N, C-alpha and C. Protein backbone atom coordinates (compact mmCIF):
# COMPACT_ATOMS: atom_id res chain seq x y z
N UNK A 1 154.42 39.29 94.48
CA UNK A 1 153.30 39.00 95.37
C UNK A 1 152.45 40.26 95.51
N UNK A 2 151.11 40.11 95.37
CA UNK A 2 150.21 41.24 95.47
C UNK A 2 150.04 41.65 96.93
N UNK A 3 150.01 42.96 97.15
CA UNK A 3 149.79 43.47 98.51
C UNK A 3 148.37 43.17 98.94
N UNK A 4 148.21 42.97 100.24
CA UNK A 4 146.86 42.74 100.77
C UNK A 4 146.00 43.97 100.52
N UNK A 5 144.79 43.72 100.05
CA UNK A 5 143.85 44.80 99.79
C UNK A 5 142.79 44.81 100.87
N UNK A 6 142.68 45.93 101.57
CA UNK A 6 141.68 46.02 102.62
C UNK A 6 140.30 46.16 102.01
N UNK A 7 139.31 45.49 102.59
CA UNK A 7 137.93 45.63 102.10
C UNK A 7 137.52 47.10 102.10
N UNK A 8 136.74 47.50 101.08
CA UNK A 8 136.38 48.91 100.93
C UNK A 8 135.59 49.44 102.12
N UNK A 9 134.81 48.55 102.78
CA UNK A 9 133.92 49.04 103.84
C UNK A 9 134.68 49.44 105.11
N UNK A 10 135.92 48.99 105.25
CA UNK A 10 136.66 49.33 106.47
C UNK A 10 136.96 50.82 106.53
N UNK A 11 137.43 51.38 105.42
CA UNK A 11 137.68 52.81 105.39
C UNK A 11 136.39 53.61 105.54
N UNK A 12 135.34 53.12 104.90
CA UNK A 12 134.03 53.78 105.00
C UNK A 12 133.52 53.75 106.43
N UNK A 13 133.67 52.61 107.10
CA UNK A 13 133.20 52.48 108.48
C UNK A 13 133.98 53.41 109.42
N UNK A 14 135.27 53.54 109.17
CA UNK A 14 136.08 54.46 110.00
C UNK A 14 135.61 55.89 109.80
N UNK A 15 135.26 56.25 108.56
CA UNK A 15 134.78 57.61 108.31
C UNK A 15 133.45 57.85 109.03
N UNK A 16 132.58 56.84 109.04
CA UNK A 16 131.32 56.95 109.77
C UNK A 16 131.59 57.13 111.27
N UNK A 17 132.50 56.32 111.78
CA UNK A 17 132.84 56.38 113.20
C UNK A 17 133.41 57.75 113.57
N UNK A 18 134.28 58.28 112.73
CA UNK A 18 134.88 59.58 113.00
C UNK A 18 133.83 60.69 112.95
N UNK A 19 132.92 60.61 111.98
CA UNK A 19 131.86 61.62 111.90
C UNK A 19 130.99 61.59 113.15
N UNK A 20 130.68 60.39 113.61
CA UNK A 20 129.85 60.27 114.80
C UNK A 20 130.58 60.80 116.03
N UNK A 21 131.84 60.43 116.18
CA UNK A 21 132.61 60.86 117.35
C UNK A 21 132.80 62.38 117.36
N UNK A 22 132.95 62.97 116.18
CA UNK A 22 133.23 64.41 116.11
C UNK A 22 131.98 65.27 116.13
N UNK A 23 130.88 64.75 115.56
CA UNK A 23 129.69 65.59 115.37
C UNK A 23 128.40 65.02 115.94
N UNK A 24 128.43 63.78 116.46
CA UNK A 24 127.23 63.23 117.07
C UNK A 24 126.27 62.60 116.09
N UNK A 25 125.10 62.21 116.60
CA UNK A 25 124.12 61.45 115.82
C UNK A 25 123.60 62.20 114.61
N UNK A 26 123.52 63.54 114.69
CA UNK A 26 122.95 64.30 113.58
C UNK A 26 123.84 64.29 112.34
N UNK A 27 125.07 63.83 112.49
CA UNK A 27 125.98 63.76 111.34
C UNK A 27 125.75 62.51 110.50
N UNK A 28 124.91 61.59 111.00
CA UNK A 28 124.65 60.33 110.29
C UNK A 28 123.17 60.19 109.98
N UNK A 29 122.88 59.58 108.84
CA UNK A 29 121.49 59.24 108.53
C UNK A 29 121.09 58.00 109.32
N UNK A 30 119.81 57.66 109.29
CA UNK A 30 119.35 56.49 110.04
C UNK A 30 120.07 55.21 109.60
N UNK A 31 120.21 55.02 108.29
CA UNK A 31 120.84 53.78 107.84
C UNK A 31 122.32 53.76 108.21
N UNK A 32 122.97 54.93 108.26
CA UNK A 32 124.38 54.97 108.63
C UNK A 32 124.57 54.65 110.12
N UNK A 33 123.65 55.13 110.96
CA UNK A 33 123.70 54.78 112.38
C UNK A 33 123.58 53.28 112.56
N UNK A 34 122.61 52.68 111.86
CA UNK A 34 122.40 51.24 111.96
C UNK A 34 123.56 50.48 111.35
N UNK A 35 124.09 50.97 110.25
CA UNK A 35 125.24 50.35 109.60
C UNK A 35 126.44 50.31 110.54
N UNK A 36 126.70 51.44 111.20
CA UNK A 36 127.83 51.52 112.12
C UNK A 36 127.63 50.58 113.30
N UNK A 37 126.41 50.53 113.83
CA UNK A 37 126.12 49.64 114.95
C UNK A 37 126.32 48.18 114.56
N UNK A 38 125.80 47.79 113.42
CA UNK A 38 125.92 46.40 112.98
C UNK A 38 127.37 46.00 112.73
N UNK A 39 128.21 46.98 112.44
CA UNK A 39 129.62 46.70 112.23
C UNK A 39 130.31 46.12 113.45
N UNK A 40 129.78 46.43 114.64
CA UNK A 40 130.37 45.88 115.86
C UNK A 40 129.96 44.42 116.07
N UNK A 41 128.86 44.00 115.46
CA UNK A 41 128.46 42.60 115.53
C UNK A 41 129.07 41.79 114.39
N UNK A 42 129.31 42.46 113.26
CA UNK A 42 129.86 41.77 112.08
C UNK A 42 131.02 42.58 111.51
N UNK A 43 132.16 42.60 112.22
CA UNK A 43 133.28 43.45 111.80
C UNK A 43 133.89 43.06 110.46
N UNK A 44 133.65 41.83 110.01
CA UNK A 44 134.26 41.37 108.76
C UNK A 44 133.31 41.48 107.58
N UNK A 45 132.18 42.16 107.76
CA UNK A 45 131.20 42.27 106.69
C UNK A 45 130.87 43.72 106.38
N UNK A 46 130.46 43.96 105.14
CA UNK A 46 129.90 45.25 104.75
C UNK A 46 128.46 45.27 105.26
N UNK A 47 128.15 46.11 106.23
CA UNK A 47 126.84 46.08 106.88
C UNK A 47 125.85 47.09 106.30
N UNK A 48 126.26 47.85 105.29
CA UNK A 48 125.35 48.82 104.68
C UNK A 48 124.11 48.13 104.07
N UNK A 49 124.27 47.05 103.29
CA UNK A 49 123.08 46.40 102.72
C UNK A 49 122.11 45.91 103.79
N UNK A 50 122.64 45.34 104.87
CA UNK A 50 121.76 44.84 105.94
C UNK A 50 121.03 45.99 106.61
N UNK A 51 121.72 47.10 106.85
CA UNK A 51 121.10 48.26 107.48
C UNK A 51 119.97 48.80 106.61
N UNK A 52 120.22 48.93 105.33
CA UNK A 52 119.18 49.44 104.43
C UNK A 52 118.01 48.47 104.32
N UNK A 53 118.29 47.17 104.33
CA UNK A 53 117.23 46.17 104.26
C UNK A 53 116.34 46.22 105.50
N UNK A 54 116.94 46.37 106.67
CA UNK A 54 116.16 46.46 107.91
C UNK A 54 115.23 47.67 107.89
N UNK A 55 115.75 48.82 107.45
CA UNK A 55 114.93 50.03 107.42
C UNK A 55 113.83 49.92 106.38
N UNK A 56 114.14 49.32 105.25
CA UNK A 56 113.14 49.14 104.21
C UNK A 56 112.03 48.19 104.66
N UNK A 57 112.41 47.16 105.36
CA UNK A 57 111.45 46.14 105.77
C UNK A 57 110.56 46.61 106.92
N UNK A 58 111.16 47.27 107.92
CA UNK A 58 110.40 47.62 109.12
C UNK A 58 109.95 49.06 109.17
N UNK A 59 110.48 49.92 108.30
CA UNK A 59 109.91 51.25 108.13
C UNK A 59 110.61 52.39 108.81
N UNK A 60 111.27 52.16 109.93
CA UNK A 60 111.95 53.25 110.63
C UNK A 60 112.99 52.66 111.59
N UNK A 61 113.90 53.51 112.03
CA UNK A 61 114.93 53.06 112.96
C UNK A 61 114.29 52.59 114.27
N UNK A 62 113.30 53.33 114.75
CA UNK A 62 112.64 52.94 116.00
C UNK A 62 111.98 51.58 115.90
N UNK A 63 111.36 51.31 114.78
CA UNK A 63 110.66 50.03 114.64
C UNK A 63 111.63 48.86 114.50
N UNK A 64 112.81 49.13 113.97
CA UNK A 64 113.83 48.07 113.93
C UNK A 64 114.15 47.63 115.37
N UNK A 65 114.30 48.60 116.27
CA UNK A 65 114.64 48.27 117.66
C UNK A 65 113.48 47.63 118.41
N UNK A 66 112.26 47.81 117.90
CA UNK A 66 111.10 47.19 118.55
C UNK A 66 110.92 45.73 118.16
N UNK A 67 111.49 45.30 117.05
CA UNK A 67 111.25 43.94 116.55
C UNK A 67 111.89 42.88 117.45
N UNK A 68 111.31 41.69 117.40
CA UNK A 68 111.84 40.57 118.17
C UNK A 68 113.12 40.05 117.52
N UNK A 69 113.96 39.35 118.27
CA UNK A 69 115.16 38.75 117.68
C UNK A 69 114.84 37.84 116.49
N UNK A 70 113.76 37.06 116.60
CA UNK A 70 113.40 36.16 115.50
C UNK A 70 113.06 36.94 114.23
N UNK A 71 112.32 38.03 114.38
CA UNK A 71 111.98 38.84 113.21
C UNK A 71 113.23 39.46 112.61
N UNK A 72 114.11 39.97 113.45
CA UNK A 72 115.35 40.57 112.95
C UNK A 72 116.19 39.54 112.21
N UNK A 73 116.28 38.34 112.77
CA UNK A 73 117.13 37.30 112.18
C UNK A 73 116.54 36.71 110.91
N UNK A 74 115.26 36.99 110.63
CA UNK A 74 114.68 36.53 109.37
C UNK A 74 115.09 37.44 108.21
N UNK A 75 115.79 38.53 108.53
CA UNK A 75 116.34 39.42 107.51
C UNK A 75 117.72 38.92 107.09
N UNK A 76 117.98 38.93 105.82
CA UNK A 76 119.26 38.44 105.30
C UNK A 76 120.43 39.18 105.96
N UNK A 77 121.46 38.46 106.32
CA UNK A 77 122.70 38.97 106.91
C UNK A 77 122.57 39.36 108.38
N UNK A 78 121.40 39.16 108.99
CA UNK A 78 121.25 39.48 110.41
C UNK A 78 121.24 38.17 111.19
N UNK A 79 122.28 37.96 111.98
CA UNK A 79 122.39 36.75 112.77
C UNK A 79 122.17 37.02 114.25
N UNK A 80 122.52 36.04 115.06
CA UNK A 80 122.28 36.12 116.50
C UNK A 80 123.04 37.29 117.14
N UNK A 81 124.29 37.50 116.75
CA UNK A 81 125.07 38.58 117.35
C UNK A 81 124.45 39.95 117.04
N UNK A 82 124.06 40.13 115.77
CA UNK A 82 123.49 41.42 115.37
C UNK A 82 122.15 41.68 116.04
N UNK A 83 121.27 40.67 116.07
CA UNK A 83 119.95 40.86 116.68
C UNK A 83 120.09 41.10 118.19
N UNK A 84 121.03 40.41 118.83
CA UNK A 84 121.25 40.61 120.26
C UNK A 84 121.76 42.02 120.54
N UNK A 85 122.66 42.51 119.70
CA UNK A 85 123.19 43.86 119.88
C UNK A 85 122.08 44.90 119.75
N UNK A 86 121.21 44.73 118.76
CA UNK A 86 120.09 45.66 118.57
C UNK A 86 119.19 45.67 119.79
N UNK A 87 118.83 44.49 120.29
CA UNK A 87 117.94 44.42 121.46
C UNK A 87 118.65 44.92 122.72
N UNK A 88 119.96 44.72 122.81
CA UNK A 88 120.71 45.21 123.96
C UNK A 88 120.71 46.73 124.00
N UNK A 89 120.86 47.36 122.85
CA UNK A 89 120.81 48.83 122.79
C UNK A 89 119.44 49.32 123.24
N UNK A 90 118.37 48.66 122.78
CA UNK A 90 117.01 49.04 123.21
C UNK A 90 116.87 48.90 124.72
N UNK A 91 117.38 47.81 125.28
CA UNK A 91 117.30 47.60 126.72
C UNK A 91 118.06 48.68 127.48
N UNK A 92 119.21 49.10 126.95
CA UNK A 92 119.99 50.16 127.60
C UNK A 92 119.22 51.48 127.60
N UNK A 93 118.55 51.78 126.50
CA UNK A 93 117.77 53.01 126.41
C UNK A 93 116.68 53.01 127.48
N UNK A 94 115.94 51.91 127.58
CA UNK A 94 114.86 51.82 128.54
C UNK A 94 115.39 51.90 129.96
N UNK A 95 116.49 51.20 130.23
CA UNK A 95 117.07 51.22 131.57
C UNK A 95 117.52 52.64 131.96
N UNK A 96 118.06 53.37 131.00
CA UNK A 96 118.52 54.73 131.29
C UNK A 96 117.35 55.67 131.57
N UNK A 97 116.20 55.44 130.93
CA UNK A 97 115.05 56.30 131.11
C UNK A 97 114.22 55.91 132.33
N UNK A 98 114.41 54.70 132.83
CA UNK A 98 113.58 54.20 133.93
C UNK A 98 113.84 54.98 135.21
N UNK A 99 112.77 55.20 136.00
CA UNK A 99 112.95 55.91 137.27
C UNK A 99 113.76 55.09 138.26
N UNK A 100 114.66 55.74 138.98
CA UNK A 100 115.47 55.05 139.97
C UNK A 100 115.97 56.06 140.98
N UNK A 101 115.47 55.96 142.20
CA UNK A 101 115.92 56.89 143.23
C UNK A 101 117.42 56.71 143.50
N UNK A 102 117.89 55.47 143.43
CA UNK A 102 119.31 55.20 143.68
C UNK A 102 120.19 55.92 142.67
N UNK A 103 119.71 55.96 141.41
CA UNK A 103 120.49 56.62 140.36
C UNK A 103 120.16 58.11 140.26
N UNK A 104 119.25 58.57 141.11
CA UNK A 104 118.89 59.98 141.07
C UNK A 104 117.94 60.32 139.93
N UNK A 105 117.28 59.32 139.35
CA UNK A 105 116.37 59.56 138.24
C UNK A 105 114.94 59.38 138.73
N UNK A 106 114.23 60.49 138.86
CA UNK A 106 112.82 60.44 139.21
C UNK A 106 112.09 61.29 138.18
N UNK A 107 111.18 60.67 137.43
CA UNK A 107 110.49 61.39 136.38
C UNK A 107 109.48 62.33 136.99
N UNK A 108 109.67 63.63 136.76
CA UNK A 108 108.86 64.62 137.46
C UNK A 108 108.10 65.57 136.53
N UNK A 109 107.91 65.16 135.28
CA UNK A 109 107.12 65.97 134.37
C UNK A 109 106.34 65.04 133.44
N UNK A 110 105.16 65.49 132.94
CA UNK A 110 104.40 64.65 132.01
C UNK A 110 105.21 64.25 130.79
N UNK A 111 106.05 65.17 130.30
CA UNK A 111 106.84 64.88 129.11
C UNK A 111 107.84 63.75 129.35
N UNK A 112 108.51 63.78 130.51
CA UNK A 112 109.50 62.74 130.80
C UNK A 112 108.82 61.40 131.04
N UNK A 113 107.62 61.42 131.64
CA UNK A 113 106.89 60.17 131.85
C UNK A 113 106.48 59.56 130.52
N UNK A 114 105.94 60.38 129.62
CA UNK A 114 105.52 59.88 128.31
C UNK A 114 106.70 59.32 127.53
N UNK A 115 107.82 60.03 127.56
CA UNK A 115 109.01 59.58 126.84
C UNK A 115 109.44 58.20 127.32
N UNK A 116 109.39 58.01 128.64
CA UNK A 116 109.79 56.72 129.20
C UNK A 116 108.82 55.61 128.81
N UNK A 117 107.51 55.82 129.00
CA UNK A 117 106.56 54.73 128.75
C UNK A 117 106.44 54.40 127.27
N UNK A 118 106.60 55.41 126.41
CA UNK A 118 106.56 55.12 124.98
C UNK A 118 107.78 54.30 124.56
N UNK A 119 108.92 54.58 125.15
CA UNK A 119 110.10 53.76 124.88
C UNK A 119 109.92 52.34 125.40
N UNK A 120 109.25 52.22 126.54
CA UNK A 120 109.08 50.92 127.18
C UNK A 120 108.09 50.02 126.44
N UNK A 121 106.89 50.53 126.13
CA UNK A 121 105.85 49.65 125.56
C UNK A 121 105.16 50.20 124.31
N UNK A 122 105.49 51.42 123.91
CA UNK A 122 104.78 52.03 122.79
C UNK A 122 104.86 51.25 121.49
N UNK A 123 105.98 50.58 121.26
CA UNK A 123 106.16 49.84 120.01
C UNK A 123 105.91 48.35 120.11
N UNK A 124 105.41 47.88 121.26
CA UNK A 124 105.19 46.44 121.44
C UNK A 124 104.02 45.95 120.58
N UNK A 125 104.09 44.67 120.17
CA UNK A 125 103.07 44.10 119.30
C UNK A 125 101.93 43.46 120.07
N UNK A 126 102.10 43.28 121.38
CA UNK A 126 101.03 42.81 122.24
C UNK A 126 100.72 43.90 123.26
N UNK A 127 99.50 43.84 123.81
CA UNK A 127 99.13 44.83 124.82
C UNK A 127 99.87 44.57 126.13
N UNK A 128 100.37 45.63 126.72
CA UNK A 128 100.99 45.59 128.04
C UNK A 128 100.25 46.58 128.93
N UNK A 129 100.10 46.20 130.19
CA UNK A 129 99.49 47.11 131.18
C UNK A 129 100.54 47.43 132.23
N UNK A 130 100.80 48.72 132.41
CA UNK A 130 101.80 49.17 133.38
C UNK A 130 101.15 50.01 134.46
N UNK A 131 101.71 49.92 135.63
CA UNK A 131 101.29 50.73 136.76
C UNK A 131 102.43 51.67 137.13
N UNK A 132 102.13 52.97 137.17
CA UNK A 132 103.11 53.96 137.58
C UNK A 132 102.78 54.43 138.99
N UNK A 133 103.71 54.26 139.90
CA UNK A 133 103.52 54.64 141.30
C UNK A 133 104.21 55.99 141.55
N UNK A 134 103.43 56.95 142.00
CA UNK A 134 103.95 58.28 142.30
C UNK A 134 104.14 58.45 143.80
N UNK A 135 105.17 59.20 144.16
CA UNK A 135 105.39 59.47 145.59
C UNK A 135 104.57 60.67 146.03
N UNK A 136 104.72 61.07 147.27
CA UNK A 136 103.91 62.16 147.81
C UNK A 136 104.19 63.50 147.14
N UNK A 137 105.35 63.62 146.48
CA UNK A 137 105.69 64.85 145.77
C UNK A 137 105.16 64.85 144.34
N UNK A 138 104.50 63.75 143.95
CA UNK A 138 103.95 63.64 142.60
C UNK A 138 104.95 63.21 141.57
N UNK A 139 106.13 62.72 141.99
CA UNK A 139 107.16 62.25 141.06
C UNK A 139 107.06 60.74 140.89
N UNK A 140 107.34 60.28 139.70
CA UNK A 140 107.30 58.85 139.42
C UNK A 140 108.50 58.16 140.04
N UNK A 141 108.22 57.24 140.97
CA UNK A 141 109.29 56.57 141.70
C UNK A 141 109.38 55.08 141.43
N UNK A 142 108.32 54.50 140.84
CA UNK A 142 108.35 53.05 140.58
C UNK A 142 107.38 52.71 139.46
N UNK A 143 107.78 51.76 138.62
CA UNK A 143 106.88 51.24 137.58
C UNK A 143 106.78 49.73 137.72
N UNK A 144 105.64 49.21 137.30
CA UNK A 144 105.42 47.76 137.40
C UNK A 144 104.65 47.29 136.18
N UNK A 145 105.16 46.25 135.51
CA UNK A 145 104.42 45.59 134.43
C UNK A 145 103.46 44.59 135.08
N UNK A 146 102.17 44.84 134.98
CA UNK A 146 101.20 43.96 135.62
C UNK A 146 100.63 42.90 134.69
N UNK A 147 100.69 43.16 133.39
CA UNK A 147 100.07 42.21 132.48
C UNK A 147 100.63 42.36 131.07
N UNK A 148 100.80 41.23 130.40
CA UNK A 148 101.11 41.19 128.98
C UNK A 148 100.09 40.29 128.32
N UNK A 149 99.42 40.80 127.29
CA UNK A 149 98.32 40.04 126.71
C UNK A 149 98.49 39.75 125.24
N UNK A 150 97.39 39.87 124.51
CA UNK A 150 97.35 39.59 123.08
C UNK A 150 97.49 40.91 122.31
N UNK A 151 97.18 40.85 121.02
CA UNK A 151 97.30 42.07 120.21
C UNK A 151 96.25 43.10 120.58
N UNK A 152 95.20 42.70 121.29
CA UNK A 152 94.16 43.69 121.62
C UNK A 152 93.60 43.56 123.04
N UNK A 153 94.28 42.86 123.93
CA UNK A 153 93.75 42.71 125.28
C UNK A 153 94.84 42.31 126.26
N UNK A 154 94.82 42.98 127.41
CA UNK A 154 95.70 42.59 128.51
C UNK A 154 94.85 42.58 129.77
N UNK A 155 94.70 41.42 130.40
CA UNK A 155 93.84 41.30 131.57
C UNK A 155 94.51 41.92 132.80
N UNK A 156 93.73 42.71 133.52
CA UNK A 156 94.24 43.39 134.70
C UNK A 156 93.26 43.14 135.85
N UNK A 157 93.80 42.80 137.01
CA UNK A 157 92.96 42.54 138.18
C UNK A 157 93.17 43.64 139.20
N UNK A 158 92.06 44.28 139.64
CA UNK A 158 92.18 45.40 140.60
C UNK A 158 92.99 45.04 141.83
N UNK A 159 92.86 43.81 142.34
CA UNK A 159 93.61 43.45 143.55
C UNK A 159 95.11 43.52 143.32
N UNK A 160 95.56 43.17 142.10
CA UNK A 160 96.99 43.23 141.80
C UNK A 160 97.47 44.68 141.70
N UNK A 161 96.61 45.54 141.15
CA UNK A 161 96.96 46.96 141.04
C UNK A 161 97.22 47.55 142.42
N UNK A 162 96.27 47.34 143.33
CA UNK A 162 96.39 47.99 144.64
C UNK A 162 97.29 47.23 145.61
N UNK A 163 97.48 45.94 145.38
CA UNK A 163 98.48 45.21 146.16
C UNK A 163 99.86 45.79 145.88
N UNK A 164 100.16 46.02 144.60
CA UNK A 164 101.44 46.60 144.22
C UNK A 164 101.57 48.02 144.76
N UNK A 165 100.49 48.80 144.64
CA UNK A 165 100.52 50.19 145.12
C UNK A 165 100.83 50.25 146.60
N UNK A 166 100.20 49.38 147.38
CA UNK A 166 100.42 49.38 148.83
C UNK A 166 101.83 48.91 149.18
N UNK A 167 102.32 47.88 148.48
CA UNK A 167 103.66 47.36 148.75
C UNK A 167 104.74 48.40 148.44
N UNK A 168 104.50 49.23 147.42
CA UNK A 168 105.49 50.22 147.00
C UNK A 168 105.29 51.57 147.67
N UNK A 169 104.28 51.65 148.54
CA UNK A 169 104.05 52.90 149.26
C UNK A 169 103.62 54.04 148.36
N UNK A 170 102.86 53.73 147.31
CA UNK A 170 102.44 54.75 146.36
C UNK A 170 101.45 55.72 146.99
N UNK A 171 101.63 57.01 146.71
CA UNK A 171 100.68 58.02 147.17
C UNK A 171 99.57 58.21 146.15
N UNK A 172 99.86 57.91 144.90
CA UNK A 172 98.87 58.00 143.83
C UNK A 172 99.37 57.16 142.65
N UNK A 173 98.50 56.97 141.66
CA UNK A 173 98.81 56.06 140.55
C UNK A 173 98.46 56.68 139.21
N UNK A 174 99.17 56.21 138.19
CA UNK A 174 98.79 56.42 136.80
C UNK A 174 98.76 55.05 136.13
N UNK A 175 97.70 54.76 135.41
CA UNK A 175 97.56 53.50 134.69
C UNK A 175 97.98 53.72 133.24
N UNK A 176 98.67 52.75 132.68
CA UNK A 176 99.17 52.86 131.30
C UNK A 176 98.92 51.55 130.56
N UNK A 177 98.43 51.64 129.34
CA UNK A 177 98.52 50.46 128.47
C UNK A 177 98.71 50.92 127.03
N UNK A 178 99.23 50.05 126.21
CA UNK A 178 99.51 50.39 124.81
C UNK A 178 98.46 49.79 123.89
N UNK A 179 98.33 50.38 122.72
CA UNK A 179 97.46 49.85 121.66
C UNK A 179 98.34 49.49 120.47
N UNK A 180 98.65 48.20 120.27
CA UNK A 180 99.50 47.81 119.15
C UNK A 180 98.94 48.20 117.78
N UNK A 181 97.61 48.36 117.70
CA UNK A 181 96.99 48.74 116.43
C UNK A 181 97.36 50.15 116.01
N UNK A 182 97.80 50.98 116.96
CA UNK A 182 98.12 52.36 116.66
C UNK A 182 96.99 53.33 116.92
N UNK A 183 95.78 52.82 117.12
CA UNK A 183 94.65 53.69 117.42
C UNK A 183 94.68 54.15 118.86
N UNK A 184 94.19 55.35 119.11
CA UNK A 184 94.16 55.88 120.47
C UNK A 184 92.77 55.80 121.11
N UNK A 185 91.81 55.33 120.36
CA UNK A 185 90.44 55.29 120.87
C UNK A 185 90.29 54.26 121.99
N UNK A 186 89.84 54.67 123.19
CA UNK A 186 89.66 53.71 124.27
C UNK A 186 88.47 52.80 124.01
N UNK A 187 88.61 51.54 124.40
CA UNK A 187 87.49 50.61 124.28
C UNK A 187 86.54 50.80 125.45
N UNK A 188 85.36 50.20 125.37
CA UNK A 188 84.43 50.27 126.49
C UNK A 188 85.04 49.60 127.72
N UNK A 189 85.83 48.55 127.51
CA UNK A 189 86.52 47.88 128.61
C UNK A 189 87.53 48.82 129.27
N UNK A 190 88.27 49.59 128.46
CA UNK A 190 89.22 50.56 129.00
C UNK A 190 88.52 51.57 129.89
N UNK A 191 87.37 52.05 129.44
CA UNK A 191 86.65 53.08 130.20
C UNK A 191 86.06 52.50 131.49
N UNK A 192 85.52 51.27 131.42
CA UNK A 192 84.98 50.64 132.63
C UNK A 192 86.08 50.38 133.65
N UNK A 193 87.23 49.89 133.17
CA UNK A 193 88.36 49.62 134.05
C UNK A 193 88.83 50.91 134.73
N UNK A 194 88.89 51.99 133.97
CA UNK A 194 89.31 53.27 134.53
C UNK A 194 88.37 53.70 135.65
N UNK A 195 87.07 53.59 135.40
CA UNK A 195 86.09 54.00 136.42
C UNK A 195 86.19 53.15 137.68
N UNK A 196 86.29 51.83 137.50
CA UNK A 196 86.29 50.94 138.67
C UNK A 196 87.56 51.12 139.50
N UNK A 197 88.73 51.28 138.84
CA UNK A 197 89.98 51.47 139.58
C UNK A 197 90.03 52.85 140.23
N UNK A 198 89.46 53.85 139.57
CA UNK A 198 89.41 55.19 140.16
C UNK A 198 88.56 55.18 141.43
N UNK A 199 87.40 54.52 141.38
CA UNK A 199 86.51 54.44 142.55
C UNK A 199 87.18 53.69 143.69
N UNK A 200 87.84 52.58 143.37
CA UNK A 200 88.52 51.80 144.39
C UNK A 200 89.69 52.58 144.99
N UNK A 201 90.41 53.30 144.14
CA UNK A 201 91.52 54.12 144.63
C UNK A 201 91.05 55.20 145.58
N UNK A 202 89.91 55.81 145.27
CA UNK A 202 89.36 56.84 146.16
C UNK A 202 89.01 56.26 147.53
N UNK A 203 88.49 55.04 147.52
CA UNK A 203 88.13 54.39 148.78
C UNK A 203 89.37 54.07 149.62
N UNK A 204 90.47 53.73 148.95
CA UNK A 204 91.69 53.35 149.66
C UNK A 204 92.61 54.53 149.95
N UNK A 205 92.26 55.69 149.45
CA UNK A 205 93.12 56.85 149.65
C UNK A 205 94.34 56.87 148.76
N UNK A 206 94.27 56.15 147.63
CA UNK A 206 95.37 56.15 146.64
C UNK A 206 94.75 56.56 145.30
N UNK A 207 94.63 57.84 145.05
CA UNK A 207 93.94 58.30 143.85
C UNK A 207 94.61 57.86 142.55
N UNK A 208 93.77 57.56 141.57
CA UNK A 208 94.23 57.25 140.22
C UNK A 208 94.14 58.54 139.40
N UNK A 209 95.28 59.12 139.07
CA UNK A 209 95.29 60.40 138.36
C UNK A 209 94.82 60.27 136.92
N UNK A 210 95.17 59.17 136.27
CA UNK A 210 94.82 59.05 134.86
C UNK A 210 95.02 57.62 134.39
N UNK A 211 94.44 57.32 133.24
CA UNK A 211 94.69 56.08 132.52
C UNK A 211 95.06 56.50 131.11
N UNK A 212 96.30 56.22 130.72
CA UNK A 212 96.84 56.71 129.46
C UNK A 212 97.06 55.57 128.48
N UNK A 213 96.60 55.77 127.25
CA UNK A 213 96.85 54.84 126.15
C UNK A 213 98.03 55.38 125.36
N UNK A 214 99.01 54.52 125.06
CA UNK A 214 100.17 54.98 124.29
C UNK A 214 100.37 54.12 123.05
N UNK A 215 100.89 54.77 122.02
CA UNK A 215 101.46 54.09 120.86
C UNK A 215 102.91 54.55 120.79
N UNK A 216 103.59 54.23 119.71
CA UNK A 216 105.00 54.62 119.62
C UNK A 216 105.18 56.12 119.72
N UNK A 217 104.29 56.91 119.11
CA UNK A 217 104.51 58.36 119.07
C UNK A 217 103.30 59.19 119.46
N UNK A 218 102.29 58.55 120.06
CA UNK A 218 101.11 59.30 120.48
C UNK A 218 100.64 58.80 121.85
N UNK A 219 99.82 59.63 122.49
CA UNK A 219 99.27 59.24 123.79
C UNK A 219 97.90 59.87 123.96
N UNK A 220 97.03 59.18 124.72
CA UNK A 220 95.65 59.64 124.93
C UNK A 220 95.30 59.48 126.40
N UNK A 221 94.75 60.55 126.97
CA UNK A 221 94.30 60.53 128.36
C UNK A 221 92.82 60.18 128.42
N UNK A 222 92.50 59.05 129.06
CA UNK A 222 91.09 58.68 129.21
C UNK A 222 90.39 59.66 130.15
N UNK A 223 91.08 60.12 131.19
CA UNK A 223 90.47 61.09 132.12
C UNK A 223 90.13 62.39 131.41
N UNK A 224 91.05 62.89 130.58
CA UNK A 224 90.84 64.16 129.89
C UNK A 224 90.01 64.01 128.62
N UNK A 225 89.99 62.79 128.06
CA UNK A 225 89.24 62.56 126.83
C UNK A 225 89.87 63.17 125.61
N UNK A 226 91.22 63.24 125.59
CA UNK A 226 91.91 63.84 124.43
C UNK A 226 93.36 63.37 124.37
N UNK A 227 93.98 63.64 123.21
CA UNK A 227 95.40 63.36 123.04
C UNK A 227 96.21 64.27 123.94
N UNK A 228 97.35 63.75 124.38
CA UNK A 228 98.24 64.54 125.23
C UNK A 228 99.67 64.43 124.70
N UNK A 229 100.53 65.27 125.22
CA UNK A 229 101.94 65.20 124.86
C UNK A 229 102.28 65.99 123.62
């Protein structure tokens, strides 16, 4: 009787796991990180081909995590368990970066704010409009998604902006929206909205510090008229 032969990928996966546990993320390439992750959704399969296919199709590890479950599942060998695991990891990242006084996380620098909002909406395929509420110390204490729109428009109503600001006790605000196209150039609508909300904020005593456009890896300040970060 022939001895049972273990699939070749099991030993390989253990070596990947050991490298990660001993040396961290820098010990693995992007496809190896994804391969190891997918192994937890499909323990009985060689996940290297699927990992490489995802990176080839979507272009980068970050963009794989930005894709919808349906898009992920349209890739060969990616089923419901694998797509759910990928989206769950993305949700965990965003939750960890989100401001929370209870958890002791208050974003208190421009860099930390940008890192959070780019993770939250920078890679989205539709426009999202977010409101960042700052406390009296100038630290980010609350965020609110006010609108989700199309590929090039998200409708925002001033009354909703300041209703939220008042309910959350905001001392000041930062407005955020993403450009799925990747361009940082503000539209005439973006500039008009910035002016009208800034004027209204001044009247209510809740100043609008900035309106920032974000993509996955870039950001633009409408107030400053230049790229930031």
